[in-house]
Every structure is written in structure tokens, then in C-alpha cells.
């Protein structure tokens, strides 16, 4: 577990009034030793709101989402992505 209870409550409060769902798309950098930690963090955030989905970006889709550097997290939703 990477997030403490206080931080989780702050994140819940931030997302509480979110009306539309979002998807967090994670594009890892295979040479980054923190890929596993980033994925774990995204999963912890996802658990704090039923309006958040996470997926791993597909190789070759970086240009579609204007990803120039990895690791990257794309926020896709009604008003984003």
C-alpha cells in the first residue's frame, strides 16, 4: 500500500463531485524501475472512486494520445482525451 489513510481521504474528496467517469491510461517505460509502483498507485486511486478505470496503454498508441515521453499517464474522459 502506497497511500496512507489521510491521502486516500483527500483523493476521495477530490473525486467525490466528479460527474463523468474517466480512464487513466498508463504508458510504461520498460527501463523504468518504478513501473510496478506506478501501476500499484493507479490501482489504489481507482479503488477510491467507482468513476475511475485504469488500463495499460498499447504499444504503438502513444501518438494517438500525444505521448512523447514515457512513463506517461493519459486522462481520458468526457472533457479530456
C-alpha atoms as a PDB file:
ATOM      1  CA  UNK A   1       0.000   0.000   0.000  1.00  0.00           C
ATOM      2  CA  UNK A   2       1.498   3.308  -1.117  1.00  0.00           C
ATOM      3  CA  UNK A   3      -1.167   5.766   0.054  1.00  0.00           C
ATOM      4  CA  UNK A   4      -1.824   6.462   3.712  1.00  0.00           C
ATOM      5  CA  UNK A   5      -5.384   6.919   5.001  1.00  0.00           C
ATOM      6  CA  UNK A   6      -5.153  10.710   5.132  1.00  0.00           C
ATOM      7  CA  UNK A   7      -4.067  10.895   1.487  1.00  0.00           C
ATOM      8  CA  UNK A   8      -6.823   8.486   0.469  1.00  0.00           C
ATOM      9  CA  UNK A   9      -9.430  10.704   2.127  1.00  0.00           C
ATOM     10  CA  UNK A  10      -8.083  13.746   0.280  1.00  0.00           C
ATOM     11  CA  UNK A  11      -8.270  11.898  -3.032  1.00  0.00           C
ATOM     12  CA  UNK A  12     -11.821  10.674  -2.293  1.00  0.00           C
ATOM     13  CA  UNK A  13     -12.872  14.257  -1.534  1.00  0.00           C
ATOM     14  CA  UNK A  14     -11.271  15.471  -4.761  1.00  0.00           C
ATOM     15  CA  UNK A  15     -13.148  12.921  -6.894  1.00  0.00           C
ATOM     16  CA  UNK A  16     -16.405  12.989  -4.896  1.00  0.00           C
ATOM     17  CA  UNK A  17     -18.173  15.508  -7.119  1.00  0.00           C
ATOM     18  CA  UNK A  18     -16.856  14.146 -10.391  1.00  0.00           C
ATOM     19  CA  UNK A  19     -19.880  13.655 -12.635  1.00  0.00           C
ATOM     20  CA  UNK A  20     -18.452  11.679 -15.526  1.00  0.00           C
ATOM     21  CA  UNK A  21     -16.186   8.640 -15.489  1.00  0.00           C
ATOM     22  CA  UNK A  22     -12.544   8.851 -16.526  1.00  0.00           C
ATOM     23  CA  UNK A  23      -9.986   6.350 -17.726  1.00  0.00           C
ATOM     24  CA  UNK A  24      -6.350   6.612 -16.710  1.00  0.00           C
ATOM     25  CA  UNK A  25      -4.187   5.107 -19.445  1.00  0.00           C
ATOM     26  CA  UNK A  26      -0.692   4.210 -18.288  1.00  0.00           C
ATOM     27  CA  UNK A  27       2.126   4.015 -20.827  1.00  0.00           C
ATOM     28  CA  UNK A  28       5.096   2.446 -19.028  1.00  0.00           C
ATOM     29  CA  UNK A  29       8.749   2.876 -19.874  1.00  0.00           C
ATOM     30  CA  UNK A  30      10.177  -0.624 -19.820  1.00  0.00           C
ATOM     31  CA  UNK A  31      13.502   0.608 -18.445  1.00  0.00           C
ATOM     32  CA  UNK A  32      11.828   2.460 -15.553  1.00  0.00           C
ATOM     33  CA  UNK A  33      12.357   0.548 -12.291  1.00  0.00           C
ATOM     34  CA  UNK A  34       9.199   2.173 -10.826  1.00  0.00           C
ATOM     35  CA  UNK A  35       6.665   0.795 -13.341  1.00  0.00           C
ATOM     36  CA  UNK A  36       5.287  -1.654 -10.786  1.00  0.00           C
ATOM     37  CA  UNK A  37       4.934   1.101  -8.156  1.00  0.00           C
ATOM     38  CA  UNK A  38       3.177   3.440 -10.597  1.00  0.00           C
ATOM     39  CA  UNK A  39       0.729   0.687 -11.572  1.00  0.00           C
ATOM     40  CA  UNK A  40       0.089  -0.087  -7.888  1.00  0.00           C
ATOM     41  CA  UNK A  41      -0.524   3.605  -7.175  1.00  0.00           C
ATOM     42  CA  UNK A  42      -3.011   3.857 -10.050  1.00  0.00           C
ATOM     43  CA  UNK A  43      -4.839   0.793  -8.717  1.00  0.00           C
ATOM     44  CA  UNK A  44      -5.064   2.358  -5.263  1.00  0.00           C
ATOM     45  CA  UNK A  45      -6.504   5.549  -6.777  1.00  0.00           C
ATOM     46  CA  UNK A  46      -9.002   3.520  -8.827  1.00  0.00           C
ATOM     47  CA  UNK A  47     -10.289   1.905  -5.652  1.00  0.00           C
ATOM     48  CA  UNK A  48     -11.246   5.323  -4.260  1.00  0.00           C
ATOM     49  CA  UNK A  49     -13.894   6.120  -6.886  1.00  0.00           C
ATOM     50  CA  UNK A  50     -16.226   3.988  -8.976  1.00  0.00           C
ATOM     51  CA  UNK A  51     -15.803   6.509 -11.799  1.00  0.00           C
ATOM     52  CA  UNK A  52     -12.147   5.708 -12.398  1.00  0.00           C
ATOM     53  CA  UNK A  53     -10.891   2.966 -14.685  1.00  0.00           C
ATOM     54  CA  UNK A  54      -7.256   2.214 -15.411  1.00  0.00           C
ATOM     55  CA  UNK A  55      -5.739   0.449 -18.392  1.00  0.00           C
ATOM     56  CA  UNK A  56      -2.258  -0.049 -19.720  1.00  0.00           C
ATOM     57  CA  UNK A  57      -1.657   1.776 -22.996  1.00  0.00           C
ATOM     58  CA  UNK A  58      -0.992  -0.370 -26.010  1.00  0.00           C
ATOM     59  CA  UNK A  59       2.376  -0.234 -27.732  1.00  0.00           C
ATOM     60  CA  UNK A  60       2.049   1.933 -30.839  1.00  0.00           C
ATOM     61  CA  UNK A  61      -0.858   4.026 -29.464  1.00  0.00           C
ATOM     62  CA  UNK A  62       1.393   6.728 -27.993  1.00  0.00           C
ATOM     63  CA  UNK A  63       0.939   9.036 -30.975  1.00  0.00           C
ATOM     64  CA  UNK A  64      -2.858   8.762 -30.774  1.00  0.00           C
ATOM     65  CA  UNK A  65      -2.695  10.189 -27.238  1.00  0.00           C
ATOM     66  CA  UNK A  66       0.182  12.597 -27.985  1.00  0.00           C
ATOM     67  CA  UNK A  67       2.520  10.763 -25.615  1.00  0.00           C
ATOM     68  CA  UNK A  68       6.066  11.922 -26.289  1.00  0.00           C
ATOM     69  CA  UNK A  69       7.826  10.581 -23.186  1.00  0.00           C
ATOM     70  CA  UNK A  70       7.223   7.504 -21.075  1.00  0.00           C
ATOM     71  CA  UNK A  71       6.226   6.701 -18.458  1.00  0.00           C
ATOM     72  CA  UNK A  72       3.042   8.703 -19.051  1.00  0.00           C
ATOM     73  CA  UNK A  73      -0.497   8.745 -17.707  1.00  0.00           C
ATOM     74  CA  UNK A  74      -3.251   9.935 -20.039  1.00  0.00           C
ATOM     75  CA  UNK A  75      -6.556  11.088 -18.550  1.00  0.00           C
ATOM     76  CA  UNK A  76      -9.393  10.203 -20.920  1.00  0.00           C
ATOM     77  CA  UNK A  77     -12.960  11.261 -20.277  1.00  0.00           C
ATOM     78  CA  UNK A  78     -15.817  13.410 -21.454  1.00  0.00           C
ATOM     79  CA  UNK A  79     -13.787  16.602 -21.398  1.00  0.00           C
ATOM     80  CA  UNK A  80     -10.306  15.059 -21.684  1.00  0.00           C
ATOM     81  CA  UNK A  81      -8.636  12.640 -24.067  1.00  0.00           C
END
